[in-house]
């Protein structure tokens, strides 16, 4: 089963939900605001994608992080990155789609069409 991780009110998430629904892709939604995210899940993601892909350095949350947390995210250490991401979920790029076989980060309609057509 495909799981989409993110925040329901995010504009990019809304685009992703619309795309998935239009393509009739069934999915479970994991809401960071209601359910949080555990560091072990983030560490598993970091085995599949680079930390520079997973961490959103453009948002307000990134700018508000302490220098120590930013350094942890830049360190490349999966355990340190996972701790920061679990504590400040808005620093995780949205959406994260876990299909069980592949991890898609961010909404890219062409990439998603290619993946879900297989």
PDB file of N, CA and C in Angstrom:
ATOM      1  N   UNK A   1       0.840  -1.184   0.000  1.00  0.00           N
ATOM      2  CA  UNK A   1       0.000   0.000   0.000  1.00  0.00           C
ATOM      3  C   UNK A   1       0.882   1.243   0.000  1.00  0.00           C
ATOM      4  N   UNK A   2       0.483   2.218  -0.735  1.00  0.00           N
ATOM      5  CA  UNK A   2       1.192   3.483  -0.817  1.00  0.00           C
ATOM      6  C   UNK A   2       0.787   4.367   0.354  1.00  0.00           C
ATOM      7  N   UNK A   3       1.773   4.978   0.988  1.00  0.00           N
ATOM      8  CA  UNK A   3       1.504   5.921   2.075  1.00  0.00           C
ATOM      9  C   UNK A   3       2.079   7.265   1.683  1.00  0.00           C
ATOM     10  N   UNK A   4       1.262   8.307   1.841  1.00  0.00           N
ATOM     11  CA  UNK A   4       1.711   9.667   1.574  1.00  0.00           C
ATOM     12  C   UNK A   4       1.829  10.383   2.917  1.00  0.00           C
ATOM     13  N   UNK A   5       2.984  10.975   3.137  1.00  0.00           N
ATOM     14  CA  UNK A   5       3.286  11.661   4.390  1.00  0.00           C
ATOM     15  C   UNK A   5       3.317  13.158   4.146  1.00  0.00           C
ATOM     16  N   UNK A   6       2.740  13.915   5.071  1.00  0.00           N
ATOM     17  CA  UNK A   6       2.785  15.357   4.954  1.00  0.00           C
ATOM     18  C   UNK A   6       1.823  16.043   5.888  1.00  0.00           C
ATOM     19  N   UNK A   7       1.412  17.237   5.484  1.00  0.00           N
ATOM     20  CA  UNK A   7       0.507  18.082   6.256  1.00  0.00           C
ATOM     21  C   UNK A   7      -0.680  18.399   5.361  1.00  0.00           C
ATOM     22  N   UNK A   8      -1.869  18.120   5.852  1.00  0.00           N
ATOM     23  CA  UNK A   8      -3.070  18.227   5.030  1.00  0.00           C
ATOM     24  C   UNK A   8      -3.273  19.618   4.425  1.00  0.00           C
ATOM     25  N   UNK A   9      -2.918  20.665   5.149  1.00  0.00           N
ATOM     26  CA  UNK A   9      -3.194  22.026   4.694  1.00  0.00           C
ATOM     27  C   UNK A   9      -2.164  22.578   3.710  1.00  0.00           C
ATOM     28  N   UNK A  10      -1.108  21.846   3.444  1.00  0.00           N
ATOM     29  CA  UNK A  10      -0.039  22.285   2.541  1.00  0.00           C
ATOM     30  C   UNK A  10      -0.543  22.311   1.092  1.00  0.00           C
ATOM     31  N   UNK A  11      -0.265  23.387   0.366  1.00  0.00           N
ATOM     32  CA  UNK A  11      -0.713  23.509  -1.026  1.00  0.00           C
ATOM     33  C   UNK A  11      -0.141  22.409  -1.913  1.00  0.00           C
ATOM     34  N   UNK A  12       1.118  22.063  -1.721  1.00  0.00           N
ATOM     35  CA  UNK A  12       1.721  20.997  -2.520  1.00  0.00           C
ATOM     36  C   UNK A  12       1.050  19.666  -2.217  1.00  0.00           C
ATOM     37  N   UNK A  13       0.704  19.452  -0.961  1.00  0.00           N
ATOM     38  CA  UNK A  13      -0.005  18.226  -0.584  1.00  0.00           C
ATOM     39  C   UNK A  13      -1.366  18.172  -1.271  1.00  0.00           C
ATOM     40  N   UNK A  14      -2.049  19.293  -1.334  1.00  0.00           N
ATOM     41  CA  UNK A  14      -3.364  19.333  -1.988  1.00  0.00           C
ATOM     42  C   UNK A  14      -3.231  18.946  -3.461  1.00  0.00           C
ATOM     43  N   UNK A  15      -2.198  19.433  -4.130  1.00  0.00           N
ATOM     44  CA  UNK A  15      -1.948  19.048  -5.528  1.00  0.00           C
ATOM     45  C   UNK A  15      -1.690  17.548  -5.628  1.00  0.00           C
ATOM     46  N   UNK A  16      -0.916  17.034  -4.683  1.00  0.00           N
ATOM     47  CA  UNK A  16      -0.593  15.603  -4.682  1.00  0.00           C
ATOM     48  C   UNK A  16      -1.846  14.759  -4.468  1.00  0.00           C
ATOM     49  N   UNK A  17      -2.690  15.153  -3.515  1.00  0.00           N
ATOM     50  CA  UNK A  17      -3.941  14.422  -3.265  1.00  0.00           C
ATOM     51  C   UNK A  17      -4.818  14.427  -4.515  1.00  0.00           C
ATOM     52  N   UNK A  18      -4.935  15.588  -5.151  1.00  0.00           N
ATOM     53  CA  UNK A  18      -5.755  15.700  -6.360  1.00  0.00           C
ATOM     54  C   UNK A  18      -5.216  14.787  -7.451  1.00  0.00           C
ATOM     55  N   UNK A  19      -3.903  14.795  -7.640  1.00  0.00           N
ATOM     56  CA  UNK A  19      -3.293  13.951  -8.670  1.00  0.00           C
ATOM     57  C   UNK A  19      -3.554  12.478  -8.376  1.00  0.00           C
ATOM     58  N   UNK A  20      -3.304  12.048  -7.150  1.00  0.00           N
ATOM     59  CA  UNK A  20      -3.513  10.641  -6.788  1.00  0.00           C
ATOM     60  C   UNK A  20      -4.973  10.233  -6.969  1.00  0.00           C
ATOM     61  N   UNK A  21      -5.887  11.095  -6.550  1.00  0.00           N
ATOM     62  CA  UNK A  21      -7.315  10.788  -6.682  1.00  0.00           C
ATOM     63  C   UNK A  21      -7.732  10.718  -8.148  1.00  0.00           C
ATOM     64  N   UNK A  22      -7.240  11.646  -8.962  1.00  0.00           N
ATOM     65  CA  UNK A  22      -7.557  11.655 -10.392  1.00  0.00           C
ATOM     66  C   UNK A  22      -7.035  10.397 -11.077  1.00  0.00           C
ATOM     67  N   UNK A  23      -5.856   9.956 -10.667  1.00  0.00           N
ATOM     68  CA  UNK A  23      -5.251   8.754 -11.248  1.00  0.00           C
ATOM     69  C   UNK A  23      -5.771   7.470 -10.602  1.00  0.00           C
ATOM     70  N   UNK A  24      -6.652   7.619  -9.638  1.00  0.00           N
ATOM     71  CA  UNK A  24      -7.256   6.490  -8.917  1.00  0.00           C
ATOM     72  C   UNK A  24      -6.197   5.606  -8.251  1.00  0.00           C
ATOM     73  N   UNK A  25      -5.225   6.261  -7.644  1.00  0.00           N
ATOM     74  CA  UNK A  25      -4.199   5.561  -6.872  1.00  0.00           C
ATOM     75  C   UNK A  25      -4.678   5.517  -5.421  1.00  0.00           C
ATOM     76  N   UNK A  26      -4.786   4.331  -4.874  1.00  0.00           N
ATOM     77  CA  UNK A  26      -5.204   4.229  -3.473  1.00  0.00           C
ATOM     78  C   UNK A  26      -3.994   4.463  -2.572  1.00  0.00           C
ATOM     79  N   UNK A  27      -4.239   5.121  -1.456  1.00  0.00           N
ATOM     80  CA  UNK A  27      -3.150   5.483  -0.550  1.00  0.00           C
ATOM     81  C   UNK A  27      -3.684   5.691   0.859  1.00  0.00           C
ATOM     82  N   UNK A  28      -2.782   5.590   1.805  1.00  0.00           N
ATOM     83  CA  UNK A  28      -3.044   5.986   3.184  1.00  0.00           C
ATOM     84  C   UNK A  28      -2.345   7.319   3.390  1.00  0.00           C
ATOM     85  N   UNK A  29      -2.947   8.173   4.212  1.00  0.00           N
ATOM     86  CA  UNK A  29      -2.349   9.471   4.502  1.00  0.00           C
ATOM     87  C   UNK A  29      -1.851   9.499   5.939  1.00  0.00           C
ATOM     88  N   UNK A  30      -0.598   9.886   6.111  1.00  0.00           N
ATOM     89  CA  UNK A  30       0.010  10.045   7.435  1.00  0.00           C
ATOM     90  C   UNK A  30       0.234  11.536   7.657  1.00  0.00           C
ATOM     91  N   UNK A  31      -0.532  12.115   8.571  1.00  0.00           N
ATOM     92  CA  UNK A  31      -0.489  13.551   8.851  1.00  0.00           C
ATOM     93  C   UNK A  31       0.525  13.831   9.966  1.00  0.00           C
ATOM     94  N   UNK A  32       1.598  14.529   9.605  1.00  0.00           N
ATOM     95  CA  UNK A  32       2.621  14.855  10.597  1.00  0.00           C
ATOM     96  C   UNK A  32       2.047  15.617  11.788  1.00  0.00           C
ATOM     97  N   UNK A  33       1.093  16.507  11.530  1.00  0.00           N
ATOM     98  CA  UNK A  33       0.556  17.343  12.604  1.00  0.00           C
ATOM     99  C   UNK A  33      -0.222  16.517  13.621  1.00  0.00           C
ATOM    100  N   UNK A  34      -0.882  15.466  13.158  1.00  0.00           N
ATOM    101  CA  UNK A  34      -1.683  14.631  14.060  1.00  0.00           C
ATOM    102  C   UNK A  34      -0.914  13.426  14.581  1.00  0.00           C
ATOM    103  N   UNK A  35      -0.058  12.861  13.738  1.00  0.00           N
ATOM    104  CA  UNK A  35       0.600  11.606  14.083  1.00  0.00           C
ATOM    105  C   UNK A  35       2.099  11.731  14.339  1.00  0.00           C
ATOM    106  N   UNK A  36       2.673  12.865  13.972  1.00  0.00           N
ATOM    107  CA  UNK A  36       4.119  13.012  14.100  1.00  0.00           C
ATOM    108  C   UNK A  36       4.837  12.036  13.175  1.00  0.00           C
ATOM    109  N   UNK A  37       6.103  11.855  13.406  1.00  0.00           N
ATOM    110  CA  UNK A  37       6.885  10.872  12.651  1.00  0.00           C
ATOM    111  C   UNK A  37       8.009  10.391  13.572  1.00  0.00           C
ATOM    112  N   UNK A  38       8.266   9.106  13.527  1.00  0.00           N
ATOM    113  CA  UNK A  38       9.316   8.607  14.410  1.00  0.00           C
ATOM    114  C   UNK A  38      10.669   8.646  13.688  1.00  0.00           C
ATOM    115  N   UNK A  39      11.731   8.857  14.440  1.00  0.00           N
ATOM    116  CA  UNK A  39      13.064   8.955  13.837  1.00  0.00           C
ATOM    117  C   UNK A  39      13.458   7.718  13.034  1.00  0.00           C
ATOM    118  N   UNK A  40      12.990   6.539  13.434  1.00  0.00           N
ATOM    119  CA  UNK A  40      13.341   5.321  12.693  1.00  0.00           C
ATOM    120  C   UNK A  40      12.810   5.361  11.265  1.00  0.00           C
ATOM    121  N   UNK A  41      11.608   5.908  11.090  1.00  0.00           N
ATOM    122  CA  UNK A  41      11.036   6.035   9.743  1.00  0.00           C
ATOM    123  C   UNK A  41      11.897   6.970   8.900  1.00  0.00           C
ATOM    124  N   UNK A  42      12.277   8.097   9.474  1.00  0.00           N
ATOM    125  CA  UNK A  42      13.123   9.052   8.743  1.00  0.00           C
ATOM    126  C   UNK A  42      14.458   8.401   8.386  1.00  0.00           C
ATOM    127  N   UNK A  43      15.021   7.630   9.292  1.00  0.00           N
ATOM    128  CA  UNK A  43      16.289   6.947   8.988  1.00  0.00           C
ATOM    129  C   UNK A  43      16.124   5.960   7.838  1.00  0.00           C
ATOM    130  N   UNK A  44      14.995   5.253   7.789  1.00  0.00           N
ATOM    131  CA  UNK A  44      14.738   4.335   6.656  1.00  0.00           C
ATOM    132  C   UNK A  44      14.660   5.119   5.351  1.00  0.00           C
ATOM    133  N   UNK A  45      14.007   6.278   5.390  1.00  0.00           N
ATOM    134  CA  UNK A  45      13.931   7.109   4.187  1.00  0.00           C
ATOM    135  C   UNK A  45      15.327   7.518   3.730  1.00  0.00           C
ATOM    136  N   UNK A  46      16.178   7.850   4.688  1.00  0.00           N
ATOM    137  CA  UNK A  46      17.528   8.307   4.350  1.00  0.00           C
ATOM    138  C   UNK A  46      18.394   7.199   3.766  1.00  0.00           C
ATOM    139  N   UNK A  47      17.956   5.968   3.877  1.00  0.00           N
ATOM    140  CA  UNK A  47      18.637   4.862   3.194  1.00  0.00           C
ATOM    141  C   UNK A  47      18.282   4.853   1.707  1.00  0.00           C
ATOM    142  N   UNK A  48      17.158   5.508   1.359  1.00  0.00           N
ATOM    143  CA  UNK A  48      16.674   5.504  -0.026  1.00  0.00           C
ATOM    144  C   UNK A  48      16.923   6.815  -0.762  1.00  0.00           C
ATOM    145  N   UNK A  49      16.958   7.924  -0.021  1.00  0.00           N
ATOM    146  CA  UNK A  49      17.174   9.235  -0.653  1.00  0.00           C
ATOM    147  C   UNK A  49      18.220  10.018   0.134  1.00  0.00           C
ATOM    148  N   UNK A  50      18.910  10.880  -0.549  1.00  0.00           N
ATOM    149  CA  UNK A  50      19.918  11.727   0.066  1.00  0.00           C
ATOM    150  C   UNK A  50      19.253  12.740   1.005  1.00  0.00           C
ATOM    151  N   UNK A  51      19.937  13.090   2.070  1.00  0.00           N
ATOM    152  CA  UNK A  51      19.383  14.050   3.027  1.00  0.00           C
ATOM    153  C   UNK A  51      19.130  15.416   2.391  1.00  0.00           C
ATOM    154  N   UNK A  52      19.876  15.757   1.359  1.00  0.00           N
ATOM    155  CA  UNK A  52      19.664  17.045   0.686  1.00  0.00           C
ATOM    156  C   UNK A  52      18.365  17.053  -0.103  1.00  0.00           C
ATOM    157  N   UNK A  53      17.847  15.871  -0.425  1.00  0.00           N
ATOM    158  CA  UNK A  53      16.550  15.754  -1.100  1.00  0.00           C
ATOM    159  C   UNK A  53      15.425  15.807  -0.071  1.00  0.00           C
ATOM    160  N   UNK A  54      15.620  15.158   1.053  1.00  0.00           N
ATOM    161  CA  UNK A  54      14.558  15.016   2.050  1.00  0.00           C
ATOM    162  C   UNK A  54      14.322  16.277   2.880  1.00  0.00           C
ATOM    163  N   UNK A  55      15.370  17.016   3.183  1.00  0.00           N
ATOM    164  CA  UNK A  55      15.247  18.179   4.065  1.00  0.00           C
ATOM    165  C   UNK A  55      14.979  19.435   3.237  1.00  0.00           C
ATOM    166  N   UNK A  56      13.931  20.162   3.628  1.00  0.00           N
ATOM    167  CA  UNK A  56      13.533  21.393   2.950  1.00  0.00           C
ATOM    168  C   UNK A  56      14.274  22.571   3.582  1.00  0.00           C
ATOM    169  N   UNK A  57      15.220  23.100   2.856  1.00  0.00           N
ATOM    170  CA  UNK A  57      16.018  24.220   3.363  1.00  0.00           C
ATOM    171  C   UNK A  57      15.462  25.575   2.926  1.00  0.00           C
ATOM    172  N   UNK A  58      14.321  25.587   2.276  1.00  0.00           N
ATOM    173  CA  UNK A  58      13.763  26.837   1.766  1.00  0.00           C
ATOM    174  C   UNK A  58      12.690  27.437   2.670  1.00  0.00           C
ATOM    175  N   UNK A  59      12.140  26.642   3.562  1.00  0.00           N
ATOM    176  CA  UNK A  59      10.988  27.080   4.337  1.00  0.00           C
ATOM    177  C   UNK A  59      11.321  27.839   5.607  1.00  0.00           C
ATOM    178  N   UNK A  60      10.265  28.359   6.200  1.00  0.00           N
ATOM    179  CA  UNK A  60      10.361  29.094   7.454  1.00  0.00           C
ATOM    180  C   UNK A  60      10.915  28.216   8.569  1.00  0.00           C
ATOM    181  N   UNK A  61      10.498  26.959   8.596  1.00  0.00           N
ATOM    182  CA  UNK A  61      10.962  26.060   9.655  1.00  0.00           C
ATOM    183  C   UNK A  61      12.481  25.946   9.628  1.00  0.00           C
ATOM    184  N   UNK A  62      13.058  25.802   8.442  1.00  0.00           N
ATOM    185  CA  UNK A  62      14.520  25.717   8.328  1.00  0.00           C
ATOM    186  C   UNK A  62      15.179  26.980   8.874  1.00  0.00           C
ATOM    187  N   UNK A  63      14.647  28.123   8.495  1.00  0.00           N
ATOM    188  CA  UNK A  63      15.239  29.391   8.928  1.00  0.00           C
ATOM    189  C   UNK A  63      15.169  29.560  10.447  1.00  0.00           C
ATOM    190  N   UNK A  64      14.152  28.963  11.063  1.00  0.00           N
ATOM    191  CA  UNK A  64      13.981  29.090  12.513  1.00  0.00           C
ATOM    192  C   UNK A  64      14.750  28.036  13.316  1.00  0.00           C
ATOM    193  N   UNK A  65      15.309  27.034  12.643  1.00  0.00           N
ATOM    194  CA  UNK A  65      16.079  26.017  13.361  1.00  0.00           C
ATOM    195  C   UNK A  65      17.325  26.634  13.994  1.00  0.00           C
ATOM    196  N   UNK A  66      17.734  26.060  15.092  1.00  0.00           N
ATOM    197  CA  UNK A  66      18.989  26.502  15.714  1.00  0.00           C
ATOM    198  C   UNK A  66      20.155  26.146  14.789  1.00  0.00           C
ATOM    199  N   UNK A  67      21.259  26.818  14.995  1.00  0.00           N
ATOM    200  CA  UNK A  67      22.454  26.502  14.207  1.00  0.00           C
ATOM    201  C   UNK A  67      22.882  25.056  14.426  1.00  0.00           C
ATOM    202  N   UNK A  68      22.700  24.564  15.643  1.00  0.00           N
ATOM    203  CA  UNK A  68      23.065  23.174  15.947  1.00  0.00           C
ATOM    204  C   UNK A  68      22.196  22.196  15.158  1.00  0.00           C
ATOM    205  N   UNK A  69      20.888  22.477  15.061  1.00  0.00           N
ATOM    206  CA  UNK A  69      20.001  21.599  14.293  1.00  0.00           C
ATOM    207  C   UNK A  69      20.315  21.665  12.798  1.00  0.00           C
ATOM    208  N   UNK A  70      20.617  22.851  12.296  1.00  0.00           N
ATOM    209  CA  UNK A  70      21.003  22.981  10.887  1.00  0.00           C
ATOM    210  C   UNK A  70      22.282  22.192  10.616  1.00  0.00           C
ATOM    211  N   UNK A  71      23.233  22.297  11.535  1.00  0.00           N
ATOM    212  CA  UNK A  71      24.493  21.558  11.382  1.00  0.00           C
ATOM    213  C   UNK A  71      24.239  20.057  11.404  1.00  0.00           C
ATOM    214  N   UNK A  72      23.316  19.614  12.261  1.00  0.00           N
ATOM    215  CA  UNK A  72      22.975  18.185  12.317  1.00  0.00           C
ATOM    216  C   UNK A  72      22.401  17.730  10.980  1.00  0.00           C
ATOM    217  N   UNK A  73      21.534  18.550  10.386  1.00  0.00           N
ATOM    218  CA  UNK A  73      20.937  18.197   9.091  1.00  0.00           C
ATOM    219  C   UNK A  73      21.976  18.191   7.978  1.00  0.00           C
ATOM    220  N   UNK A  74      22.934  19.071   8.068  1.00  0.00           N
ATOM    221  CA  UNK A  74      23.973  19.156   7.043  1.00  0.00           C
ATOM    222  C   UNK A  74      25.076  18.115   7.226  1.00  0.00           C
ATOM    223  N   UNK A  75      25.095  17.464   8.384  1.00  0.00           N
ATOM    224  CA  UNK A  75      26.175  16.529   8.709  1.00  0.00           C
ATOM    225  C   UNK A  75      26.155  15.257   7.866  1.00  0.00           C
ATOM    226  N   UNK A  76      24.968  14.902   7.380  1.00  0.00           N
ATOM    227  CA  UNK A  76      24.849  13.644   6.653  1.00  0.00           C
ATOM    228  C   UNK A  76      24.652  12.451   7.570  1.00  0.00           C
ATOM    229  N   UNK A  77      24.647  12.671   8.881  1.00  0.00           N
ATOM    230  CA  UNK A  77      24.453  11.599   9.862  1.00  0.00           C
ATOM    231  C   UNK A  77      22.960  11.281   9.964  1.00  0.00           C
ATOM    232  N   UNK A  78      22.527  10.109   9.474  1.00  0.00           N
ATOM    233  CA  UNK A  78      21.101   9.785   9.462  1.00  0.00           C
ATOM    234  C   UNK A  78      20.424   9.885  10.829  1.00  0.00           C
ATOM    235  N   UNK A  79      21.100   9.463  11.892  1.00  0.00           N
ATOM    236  CA  UNK A  79      20.495   9.512  13.227  1.00  0.00           C
ATOM    237  C   UNK A  79      20.253  10.954  13.663  1.00  0.00           C
ATOM    238  N   UNK A  80      21.219  11.826  13.422  1.00  0.00           N
ATOM    239  CA  UNK A  80      21.082  13.231  13.803  1.00  0.00           C
ATOM    240  C   UNK A  80      20.000  13.918  12.975  1.00  0.00           C
ATOM    241  N   UNK A  81      19.983  13.652  11.681  1.00  0.00           N
ATOM    242  CA  UNK A  81      18.971  14.237  10.799  1.00  0.00           C
ATOM    243  C   UNK A  81      17.585  13.764  11.213  1.00  0.00           C
ATOM    244  N   UNK A  82      17.464  12.487  11.510  1.00  0.00           N
ATOM    245  CA  UNK A  82      16.171  11.918  11.895  1.00  0.00           C
ATOM    246  C   UNK A  82      15.639  12.549  13.173  1.00  0.00           C
ATOM    247  N   UNK A  83      16.507  12.825  14.125  1.00  0.00           N
ATOM    248  CA  UNK A  83      16.074  13.462  15.376  1.00  0.00           C
ATOM    249  C   UNK A  83      15.526  14.863  15.112  1.00  0.00           C
ATOM    250  N   UNK A  84      16.206  15.634  14.288  1.00  0.00           N
ATOM    251  CA  UNK A  84      15.747  16.988  13.969  1.00  0.00           C
ATOM    252  C   UNK A  84      14.433  16.925  13.197  1.00  0.00           C
ATOM    253  N   UNK A  85      14.354  16.043  12.205  1.00  0.00           N
ATOM    254  CA  UNK A  85      13.149  15.932  11.380  1.00  0.00           C
ATOM    255  C   UNK A  85      11.942  15.484  12.203  1.00  0.00           C
ATOM    256  N   UNK A  86      12.153  14.564  13.130  1.00  0.00           N
ATOM    257  CA  UNK A  86      11.051  14.091  13.969  1.00  0.00           C
ATOM    258  C   UNK A  86      10.561  15.193  14.911  1.00  0.00           C
ATOM    259  N   UNK A  87      11.472  16.032  15.365  1.00  0.00           N
ATOM    260  CA  UNK A  87      11.108  17.122  16.272  1.00  0.00           C
ATOM    261  C   UNK A  87      10.495  18.309  15.532  1.00  0.00           C
ATOM    262  N   UNK A  88      10.881  18.510  14.276  1.00  0.00           N
ATOM    263  CA  UNK A  88      10.401  19.644  13.468  1.00  0.00           C
ATOM    264  C   UNK A  88       9.968  19.111  12.111  1.00  0.00           C
ATOM    265  N   UNK A  89       8.803  18.464  12.070  1.00  0.00           N
ATOM    266  CA  UNK A  89       8.378  17.756  10.854  1.00  0.00           C
ATOM    267  C   UNK A  89       8.229  18.661   9.635  1.00  0.00           C
ATOM    268  N   UNK A  90       8.011  19.944   9.848  1.00  0.00           N
ATOM    269  CA  UNK A  90       7.861  20.842   8.699  1.00  0.00           C
ATOM    270  C   UNK A  90       9.160  21.041   7.933  1.00  0.00           C
ATOM    271  N   UNK A  91      10.269  20.547   8.472  1.00  0.00           N
ATOM    272  CA  UNK A  91      11.541  20.640   7.752  1.00  0.00           C
ATOM    273  C   UNK A  91      11.675  19.512   6.717  1.00  0.00           C
ATOM    274  N   UNK A  92      10.753  18.553   6.754  1.00  0.00           N
ATOM    275  CA  UNK A  92      10.758  17.461   5.774  1.00  0.00           C
ATOM    276  C   UNK A  92      10.023  17.934   4.526  1.00  0.00           C
ATOM    277  N   UNK A  93      10.655  17.787   3.387  1.00  0.00           N
ATOM    278  CA  UNK A  93      10.037  18.176   2.120  1.00  0.00           C
ATOM    279  C   UNK A  93       8.748  17.389   1.929  1.00  0.00           C
ATOM    280  N   UNK A  94       7.737  18.033   1.365  1.00  0.00           N
ATOM    281  CA  UNK A  94       6.434  17.391   1.193  1.00  0.00           C
ATOM    282  C   UNK A  94       6.042  17.352  -0.272  1.00  0.00           C
ATOM    283  N   UNK A  95       5.286  16.302  -0.573  1.00  0.00           N
ATOM    284  CA  UNK A  95       5.004  15.105   0.214  1.00  0.00           C
ATOM    285  C   UNK A  95       6.148  14.098   0.119  1.00  0.00           C
ATOM    286  N   UNK A  96       6.107  13.140   1.030  1.00  0.00           N
ATOM    287  CA  UNK A  96       6.945  11.950   0.932  1.00  0.00           C
ATOM    288  C   UNK A  96       5.988  10.808   0.640  1.00  0.00           C
ATOM    289  N   UNK A  97       6.233  10.095  -0.447  1.00  0.00           N
ATOM    290  CA  UNK A  97       5.375   8.975  -0.832  1.00  0.00           C
ATOM    291  C   UNK A  97       6.200   7.703  -0.747  1.00  0.00           C
ATOM    292  N   UNK A  98       5.751   6.808   0.105  1.00  0.00           N
ATOM    293  CA  UNK A  98       6.426   5.523   0.288  1.00  0.00           C
ATOM    294  C   UNK A  98       5.558   4.444  -0.340  1.00  0.00           C
ATOM    295  N   UNK A  99       6.045   3.856  -1.420  1.00  0.00           N
ATOM    296  CA  UNK A  99       5.282   2.818  -2.117  1.00  0.00           C
ATOM    297  C   UNK A  99       5.676   1.421  -1.647  1.00  0.00           C
ATOM    298  N   UNK A 100       6.615   1.370  -0.716  1.00  0.00           N
ATOM    299  CA  UNK A 100       7.120   0.080  -0.265  1.00  0.00           C
ATOM    300  C   UNK A 100       8.368  -0.323  -1.028  1.00  0.00           C
ATOM    301  N   UNK A 101       8.428   0.065  -2.298  1.00  0.00           N
ATOM    302  CA  UNK A 101       9.589  -0.239  -3.132  1.00  0.00           C
ATOM    303  C   UNK A 101      10.411   1.006  -3.415  1.00  0.00           C
ATOM    304  N   UNK A 102       9.742   2.135  -3.468  1.00  0.00           N
ATOM    305  CA  UNK A 102      10.415   3.375  -3.836  1.00  0.00           C
ATOM    306  C   UNK A 102       9.907   4.504  -2.954  1.00  0.00           C
ATOM    307  N   UNK A 103      10.736   5.525  -2.803  1.00  0.00           N
ATOM    308  CA  UNK A 103      10.380   6.713  -2.051  1.00  0.00           C
ATOM    309  C   UNK A 103      10.405   7.893  -3.008  1.00  0.00           C
ATOM    310  N   UNK A 104       9.289   8.593  -3.102  1.00  0.00           N
ATOM    311  CA  UNK A 104       9.195   9.791  -3.929  1.00  0.00           C
ATOM    312  C   UNK A 104       9.119  10.983  -2.988  1.00  0.00           C
ATOM    313  N   UNK A 105       9.931  12.003  -3.220  1.00  0.00           N
ATOM    314  CA  UNK A 105       9.952  13.172  -2.347  1.00  0.00           C
ATOM    315  C   UNK A 105       9.631  14.400  -3.180  1.00  0.00           C
ATOM    316  N   UNK A 106       8.621  15.150  -2.740  1.00  0.00           N
ATOM    317  CA  UNK A 106       8.162  16.313  -3.482  1.00  0.00           C
ATOM    318  C   UNK A 106       7.166  15.887  -4.543  1.00  0.00           C
ATOM    319  N   UNK A 107       6.362  16.836  -5.004  1.00  0.00           N
ATOM    320  CA  UNK A 107       5.369  16.514  -6.025  1.00  0.00           C
ATOM    321  C   UNK A 107       5.894  16.901  -7.397  1.00  0.00           C
ATOM    322  N   UNK A 108       6.019  15.906  -8.253  1.00  0.00           N
ATOM    323  CA  UNK A 108       6.428  16.090  -9.640  1.00  0.00           C
ATOM    324  C   UNK A 108       5.515  15.190 -10.466  1.00  0.00           C
ATOM    325  N   UNK A 109       4.525  15.789 -11.129  1.00  0.00           N
ATOM    326  CA  UNK A 109       3.506  15.014 -11.842  1.00  0.00           C
ATOM    327  C   UNK A 109       4.119  14.059 -12.861  1.00  0.00           C
ATOM    328  N   UNK A 110       5.132  14.491 -13.589  1.00  0.00           N
ATOM    329  CA  UNK A 110       5.752  13.622 -14.601  1.00  0.00           C
ATOM    330  C   UNK A 110       6.438  12.424 -13.942  1.00  0.00           C
ATOM    331  N   UNK A 111       7.176  12.677 -12.875  1.00  0.00           N
ATOM    332  CA  UNK A 111       7.851  11.590 -12.158  1.00  0.00           C
ATOM    333  C   UNK A 111       6.820  10.619 -11.585  1.00  0.00           C
ATOM    334  N   UNK A 112       5.759  11.151 -11.017  1.00  0.00           N
ATOM    335  CA  UNK A 112       4.728  10.302 -10.430  1.00  0.00           C
ATOM    336  C   UNK A 112       4.027   9.484 -11.507  1.00  0.00           C
ATOM    337  N   UNK A 113       3.726  10.113 -12.649  1.00  0.00           N
ATOM    338  CA  UNK A 113       3.060   9.387 -13.737  1.00  0.00           C
ATOM    339  C   UNK A 113       3.934   8.230 -14.195  1.00  0.00           C
ATOM    340  N   UNK A 114       5.227   8.483 -14.315  1.00  0.00           N
ATOM    341  CA  UNK A 114       6.154   7.433 -14.716  1.00  0.00           C
ATOM    342  C   UNK A 114       6.173   6.307 -13.685  1.00  0.00           C
ATOM    343  N   UNK A 115       6.236   6.666 -12.431  1.00  0.00           N
ATOM    344  CA  UNK A 115       6.301   5.647 -11.380  1.00  0.00           C
ATOM    345  C   UNK A 115       5.006   4.838 -11.283  1.00  0.00           C
ATOM    346  N   UNK A 116       3.871   5.513 -11.231  1.00  0.00           N
ATOM    347  CA  UNK A 116       2.609   4.818 -10.993  1.00  0.00           C
ATOM    348  C   UNK A 116       2.059   4.113 -12.226  1.00  0.00           C
ATOM    349  N   UNK A 117       2.652   4.361 -13.405  1.00  0.00           N
ATOM    350  CA  UNK A 117       2.203   3.659 -14.614  1.00  0.00           C
ATOM    351  C   UNK A 117       2.857   2.289 -14.736  1.00  0.00           C
ATOM    352  N   UNK A 118       3.857   2.021 -13.918  1.00  0.00           N
ATOM    353  CA  UNK A 118       4.586   0.744 -13.997  1.00  0.00           C
ATOM    354  C   UNK A 118       3.798  -0.373 -13.362  1.00  0.00           C
TER     355      UNK A 118
END
